[in-house]
Amino acid sequence: MIELTKISGSKVLVNPDLIELVEETPDTVIAFTTGRKIIVKESRQEIKNLVKSYRRDIFAN
């Protein structure tokens, strides 16, 4: 799971395996394979880096 910050300021844990699309419009919107969408404070690049780090940790163990 990766930790992100919703626009409201609350922290959420997201399963990166369910992310279908990350878009900056200018807010960062994450669309999931479930059809749900959330808006977060992190940039598209920050999310990309978090997902890459998550995957590295998973495959290193």
PDB file of N, CA and C in Angstrom:
ATOM      1  N   MET A   1       0.837  -1.175   0.000  1.00  0.00           N
ATOM      2  CA  MET A   1       0.000   0.000   0.000  1.00  0.00           C
ATOM      3  C   MET A   1       0.891   1.251   0.000  1.00  0.00           C
ATOM      4  N   ILE A   2       0.402   2.290  -0.649  1.00  0.00           N
ATOM      5  CA  ILE A   2       1.103   3.573  -0.622  1.00  0.00           C
ATOM      6  C   ILE A   2       0.203   4.589   0.065  1.00  0.00           C
ATOM      7  N   GLU A   3       0.818   5.506   0.804  1.00  0.00           N
ATOM      8  CA  GLU A   3       0.060   6.521   1.537  1.00  0.00           C
ATOM      9  C   GLU A   3      -0.014   7.804   0.728  1.00  0.00           C
ATOM     10  N   LEU A   4      -1.237   8.299   0.555  1.00  0.00           N
ATOM     11  CA  LEU A   4      -1.474   9.535  -0.180  1.00  0.00           C
ATOM     12  C   LEU A   4      -2.336  10.463   0.657  1.00  0.00           C
ATOM     13  N   THR A   5      -2.393  11.730   0.264  1.00  0.00           N
ATOM     14  CA  THR A   5      -3.159  12.740   0.995  1.00  0.00           C
ATOM     15  C   THR A   5      -4.299  13.251   0.118  1.00  0.00           C
ATOM     16  N   LYS A   6      -5.522  13.058   0.592  1.00  0.00           N
ATOM     17  CA  LYS A   6      -6.677  13.579  -0.141  1.00  0.00           C
ATOM     18  C   LYS A   6      -6.684  15.101  -0.037  1.00  0.00           C
ATOM     19  N   ILE A   7      -7.414  15.758  -0.908  1.00  0.00           N
ATOM     20  CA  ILE A   7      -7.509  17.218  -0.910  1.00  0.00           C
ATOM     21  C   ILE A   7      -7.972  17.743   0.450  1.00  0.00           C
ATOM     22  N   SER A   8      -8.813  16.977   1.131  1.00  0.00           N
ATOM     23  CA  SER A   8      -9.323  17.378   2.446  1.00  0.00           C
ATOM     24  C   SER A   8      -8.247  17.345   3.528  1.00  0.00           C
ATOM     25  N   GLY A   9      -7.105  16.726   3.205  1.00  0.00           N
ATOM     26  CA  GLY A   9      -6.011  16.630   4.176  1.00  0.00           C
ATOM     27  C   GLY A   9      -5.922  15.274   4.851  1.00  0.00           C
ATOM     28  N   SER A  10      -6.925  14.433   4.682  1.00  0.00           N
ATOM     29  CA  SER A  10      -6.889  13.112   5.313  1.00  0.00           C
ATOM     30  C   SER A  10      -5.953  12.184   4.541  1.00  0.00           C
ATOM     31  N   LYS A  11      -5.286  11.331   5.281  1.00  0.00           N
ATOM     32  CA  LYS A  11      -4.350  10.363   4.703  1.00  0.00           C
ATOM     33  C   LYS A  11      -5.109   9.085   4.361  1.00  0.00           C
ATOM     34  N   VAL A  12      -4.766   8.496   3.227  1.00  0.00           N
ATOM     35  CA  VAL A  12      -5.372   7.232   2.815  1.00  0.00           C
ATOM     36  C   VAL A  12      -4.291   6.288   2.327  1.00  0.00           C
ATOM     37  N   LEU A  13      -4.544   4.999   2.478  1.00  0.00           N
ATOM     38  CA  LEU A  13      -3.661   3.981   1.932  1.00  0.00           C
ATOM     39  C   LEU A  13      -4.306   3.437   0.670  1.00  0.00           C
ATOM     40  N   VAL A  14      -3.524   3.364  -0.392  1.00  0.00           N
ATOM     41  CA  VAL A  14      -4.032   2.959  -1.698  1.00  0.00           C
ATOM     42  C   VAL A  14      -3.278   1.722  -2.167  1.00  0.00           C
ATOM     43  N   ASN A  15      -4.012   0.778  -2.715  1.00  0.00           N
ATOM     44  CA  ASN A  15      -3.406  -0.399  -3.315  1.00  0.00           C
ATOM     45  C   ASN A  15      -2.981  -0.022  -4.735  1.00  0.00           C
ATOM     46  N   PRO A  16      -1.683   0.102  -4.992  1.00  0.00           N
ATOM     47  CA  PRO A  16      -1.222   0.544  -6.312  1.00  0.00           C
ATOM     48  C   PRO A  16      -1.561  -0.433  -7.431  1.00  0.00           C
ATOM     49  N   ASP A  17      -1.876  -1.677  -7.093  1.00  0.00           N
ATOM     50  CA  ASP A  17      -2.242  -2.649  -8.122  1.00  0.00           C
ATOM     51  C   ASP A  17      -3.603  -2.328  -8.741  1.00  0.00           C
ATOM     52  N   LEU A  18      -4.397  -1.492  -8.068  1.00  0.00           N
ATOM     53  CA  LEU A  18      -5.724  -1.136  -8.569  1.00  0.00           C
ATOM     54  C   LEU A  18      -5.738   0.179  -9.337  1.00  0.00           C
ATOM     55  N   ILE A  19      -4.583   0.865  -9.396  1.00  0.00           N
ATOM     56  CA  ILE A  19      -4.532   2.146 -10.108  1.00  0.00           C
ATOM     57  C   ILE A  19      -4.552   1.890 -11.610  1.00  0.00           C
ATOM     58  N   GLU A  20      -5.487   2.532 -12.280  1.00  0.00           N
ATOM     59  CA  GLU A  20      -5.595   2.414 -13.729  1.00  0.00           C
ATOM     60  C   GLU A  20      -5.013   3.636 -14.427  1.00  0.00           C
ATOM     61  N   LEU A  21      -5.217   4.834 -13.804  1.00  0.00           N
ATOM     62  CA  LEU A  21      -4.833   6.072 -14.459  1.00  0.00           C
ATOM     63  C   LEU A  21      -4.532   7.136 -13.410  1.00  0.00           C
ATOM     64  N   VAL A  22      -3.461   7.910 -13.636  1.00  0.00           N
ATOM     65  CA  VAL A  22      -3.145   9.072 -12.803  1.00  0.00           C
ATOM     66  C   VAL A  22      -3.057  10.263 -13.737  1.00  0.00           C
ATOM     67  N   GLU A  23      -3.834  11.306 -13.423  1.00  0.00           N
ATOM     68  CA  GLU A  23      -3.952  12.440 -14.331  1.00  0.00           C
ATOM     69  C   GLU A  23      -3.891  13.744 -13.540  1.00  0.00           C
ATOM     70  N   GLU A  24      -3.151  14.730 -14.054  1.00  0.00           N
ATOM     71  CA  GLU A  24      -3.101  16.064 -13.445  1.00  0.00           C
ATOM     72  C   GLU A  24      -3.954  17.006 -14.285  1.00  0.00           C
ATOM     73  N   THR A  25      -4.987  17.594 -13.629  1.00  0.00           N
ATOM     74  CA  THR A  25      -5.957  18.379 -14.411  1.00  0.00           C
ATOM     75  C   THR A  25      -6.389  19.701 -13.799  1.00  0.00           C
ATOM     76  N   PRO A  26      -5.746  20.557 -13.107  1.00  0.00           N
ATOM     77  CA  PRO A  26      -4.409  20.487 -12.534  1.00  0.00           C
ATOM     78  C   PRO A  26      -4.336  19.667 -11.251  1.00  0.00           C
ATOM     79  N   ASP A  27      -5.495  19.375 -10.613  1.00  0.00           N
ATOM     80  CA  ASP A  27      -5.454  18.480  -9.449  1.00  0.00           C
ATOM     81  C   ASP A  27      -5.090  17.078  -9.911  1.00  0.00           C
ATOM     82  N   THR A  28      -4.492  16.308  -9.031  1.00  0.00           N
ATOM     83  CA  THR A  28      -4.119  14.942  -9.376  1.00  0.00           C
ATOM     84  C   THR A  28      -5.299  14.023  -9.100  1.00  0.00           C
ATOM     85  N   VAL A  29      -5.790  13.391 -10.144  1.00  0.00           N
ATOM     86  CA  VAL A  29      -6.928  12.475 -10.045  1.00  0.00           C
ATOM     87  C   VAL A  29      -6.423  11.063 -10.297  1.00  0.00           C
ATOM     88  N   ILE A  30      -6.789  10.151  -9.394  1.00  0.00           N
ATOM     89  CA  ILE A  30      -6.431   8.740  -9.559  1.00  0.00           C
ATOM     90  C   ILE A  30      -7.703   7.973  -9.872  1.00  0.00           C
ATOM     91  N   ALA A  31      -7.701   7.247 -10.977  1.00  0.00           N
ATOM     92  CA  ALA A  31      -8.814   6.382 -11.351  1.00  0.00           C
ATOM     93  C   ALA A  31      -8.391   4.939 -11.085  1.00  0.00           C
ATOM     94  N   PHE A  32      -9.283   4.188 -10.470  1.00  0.00           N
ATOM     95  CA  PHE A  32      -9.000   2.802 -10.116  1.00  0.00           C
ATOM     96  C   PHE A  32      -9.743   1.844 -11.047  1.00  0.00           C
ATOM     97  N   THR A  33      -9.281   0.627 -11.105  1.00  0.00           N
ATOM     98  CA  THR A  33      -9.922  -0.389 -11.933  1.00  0.00           C
ATOM     99  C   THR A  33     -11.338  -0.675 -11.456  1.00  0.00           C
ATOM    100  N   THR A  34     -11.668  -0.295 -10.235  1.00  0.00           N
ATOM    101  CA  THR A  34     -13.006  -0.502  -9.670  1.00  0.00           C
ATOM    102  C   THR A  34     -13.997   0.554 -10.151  1.00  0.00           C
ATOM    103  N   GLY A  35     -13.487   1.609 -10.825  1.00  0.00           N
ATOM    104  CA  GLY A  35     -14.345   2.692 -11.275  1.00  0.00           C
ATOM    105  C   GLY A  35     -14.332   3.900 -10.345  1.00  0.00           C
ATOM    106  N   ARG A  36     -13.775   3.736  -9.167  1.00  0.00           N
ATOM    107  CA  ARG A  36     -13.699   4.833  -8.199  1.00  0.00           C
ATOM    108  C   ARG A  36     -12.597   5.804  -8.599  1.00  0.00           C
ATOM    109  N   LYS A  37     -12.780   7.075  -8.237  1.00  0.00           N
ATOM    110  CA  LYS A  37     -11.755   8.097  -8.464  1.00  0.00           C
ATOM    111  C   LYS A  37     -11.562   8.889  -7.186  1.00  0.00           C
ATOM    112  N   ILE A  38     -10.307   9.305  -6.935  1.00  0.00           N
ATOM    113  CA  ILE A  38     -10.033  10.203  -5.816  1.00  0.00           C
ATOM    114  C   ILE A  38      -9.089  11.307  -6.294  1.00  0.00           C
ATOM    115  N   ILE A  39      -9.162  12.445  -5.606  1.00  0.00           N
ATOM    116  CA  ILE A  39      -8.271  13.572  -5.889  1.00  0.00           C
ATOM    117  C   ILE A  39      -7.293  13.670  -4.735  1.00  0.00           C
ATOM    118  N   VAL A  40      -6.008  13.750  -5.051  1.00  0.00           N
ATOM    119  CA  VAL A  40      -4.974  13.785  -4.019  1.00  0.00           C
ATOM    120  C   VAL A  40      -4.053  14.984  -4.211  1.00  0.00           C
ATOM    121  N   LYS A  41      -3.310  15.297  -3.153  1.00  0.00           N
ATOM    122  CA  LYS A  41      -2.394  16.442  -3.180  1.00  0.00           C
ATOM    123  C   LYS A  41      -1.074  16.129  -3.884  1.00  0.00           C
ATOM    124  N   GLU A  42      -0.665  14.866  -3.874  1.00  0.00           N
ATOM    125  CA  GLU A  42       0.613  14.486  -4.473  1.00  0.00           C
ATOM    126  C   GLU A  42       0.559  14.656  -5.995  1.00  0.00           C
ATOM    127  N   SER A  43       1.703  14.942  -6.576  1.00  0.00           N
ATOM    128  CA  SER A  43       1.789  15.086  -8.030  1.00  0.00           C
ATOM    129  C   SER A  43       1.814  13.709  -8.692  1.00  0.00           C
ATOM    130  N   ARG A  44       1.608  13.710 -10.000  1.00  0.00           N
ATOM    131  CA  ARG A  44       1.680  12.477 -10.781  1.00  0.00           C
ATOM    132  C   ARG A  44       3.048  11.820 -10.624  1.00  0.00           C
ATOM    133  N   GLN A  45       4.104  12.635 -10.644  1.00  0.00           N
ATOM    134  CA  GLN A  45       5.466  12.110 -10.514  1.00  0.00           C
ATOM    135  C   GLN A  45       5.699  11.510  -9.126  1.00  0.00           C
ATOM    136  N   GLU A  46       5.182  12.154  -8.081  1.00  0.00           N
ATOM    137  CA  GLU A  46       5.332  11.609  -6.727  1.00  0.00           C
ATOM    138  C   GLU A  46       4.648  10.248  -6.615  1.00  0.00           C
ATOM    139  N   ILE A  47       3.466  10.140  -7.200  1.00  0.00           N
ATOM    140  CA  ILE A  47       2.745   8.865  -7.162  1.00  0.00           C
ATOM    141  C   ILE A  47       3.520   7.803  -7.925  1.00  0.00           C
ATOM    142  N   LYS A  48       4.050   8.161  -9.068  1.00  0.00           N
ATOM    143  CA  LYS A  48       4.858   7.230  -9.857  1.00  0.00           C
ATOM    144  C   LYS A  48       6.040   6.720  -9.041  1.00  0.00           C
ATOM    145  N   ASN A  49       6.723   7.626  -8.342  1.00  0.00           N
ATOM    146  CA  ASN A  49       7.869   7.235  -7.521  1.00  0.00           C
ATOM    147  C   ASN A  49       7.451   6.331  -6.360  1.00  0.00           C
ATOM    148  N   LEU A  50       6.313   6.623  -5.739  1.00  0.00           N
ATOM    149  CA  LEU A  50       5.814   5.786  -4.641  1.00  0.00           C
ATOM    150  C   LEU A  50       5.478   4.380  -5.135  1.00  0.00           C
ATOM    151  N   VAL A  51       4.853   4.284  -6.295  1.00  0.00           N
ATOM    152  CA  VAL A  51       4.502   2.979  -6.858  1.00  0.00           C
ATOM    153  C   VAL A  51       5.768   2.195  -7.211  1.00  0.00           C
ATOM    154  N   LYS A  52       6.748   2.859  -7.806  1.00  0.00           N
ATOM    155  CA  LYS A  52       8.004   2.183  -8.140  1.00  0.00           C
ATOM    156  C   LYS A  52       8.702   1.666  -6.888  1.00  0.00           C
ATOM    157  N   SER A  53       8.721   2.477  -5.843  1.00  0.00           N
ATOM    158  CA  SER A  53       9.340   2.072  -4.583  1.00  0.00           C
ATOM    159  C   SER A  53       8.589   0.897  -3.960  1.00  0.00           C
ATOM    160  N   TYR A  54       7.271   0.949  -4.007  1.00  0.00           N
ATOM    161  CA  TYR A  54       6.432  -0.138  -3.488  1.00  0.00           C
ATOM    162  C   TYR A  54       6.754  -1.441  -4.215  1.00  0.00           C
ATOM    163  N   ARG A  55       6.814  -1.378  -5.532  1.00  0.00           N
ATOM    164  CA  ARG A  55       7.081  -2.581  -6.328  1.00  0.00           C
ATOM    165  C   ARG A  55       8.485  -3.137  -6.067  1.00  0.00           C
ATOM    166  N   ARG A  56       9.447  -2.242  -5.910  1.00  0.00           N
ATOM    167  CA  ARG A  56      10.820  -2.677  -5.580  1.00  0.00           C
ATOM    168  C   ARG A  56      10.824  -3.431  -4.256  1.00  0.00           C
ATOM    169  N   ASP A  57      10.120  -2.893  -3.259  1.00  0.00           N
ATOM    170  CA  ASP A  57      10.061  -3.547  -1.946  1.00  0.00           C
ATOM    171  C   ASP A  57       9.391  -4.917  -2.040  1.00  0.00           C
ATOM    172  N   ILE A  58       8.337  -5.009  -2.817  1.00  0.00           N
ATOM    173  CA  ILE A  58       7.605  -6.277  -2.949  1.00  0.00           C
ATOM    174  C   ILE A  58       8.483  -7.340  -3.595  1.00  0.00           C
ATOM    175  N   PHE A  59       9.159  -6.973  -4.681  1.00  0.00           N
ATOM    176  CA  PHE A  59       9.934  -7.955  -5.421  1.00  0.00           C
ATOM    177  C   PHE A  59      11.302  -8.236  -4.799  1.00  0.00           C
ATOM    178  N   ALA A  60      11.722  -7.403  -3.865  1.00  0.00           N
ATOM    179  CA  ALA A  60      13.010  -7.630  -3.190  1.00  0.00           C
ATOM    180  C   ALA A  60      12.899  -8.706  -2.105  1.00  0.00           C
ATOM    181  N   ASN A  61      11.673  -8.938  -1.645  1.00  0.00           N
ATOM    182  CA  ASN A  61      11.476  -9.915  -0.552  1.00  0.00           C
ATOM    183  C   ASN A  61      11.091 -11.269  -1.051  1.00  0.00           C
TER     184      ASN A  61
END
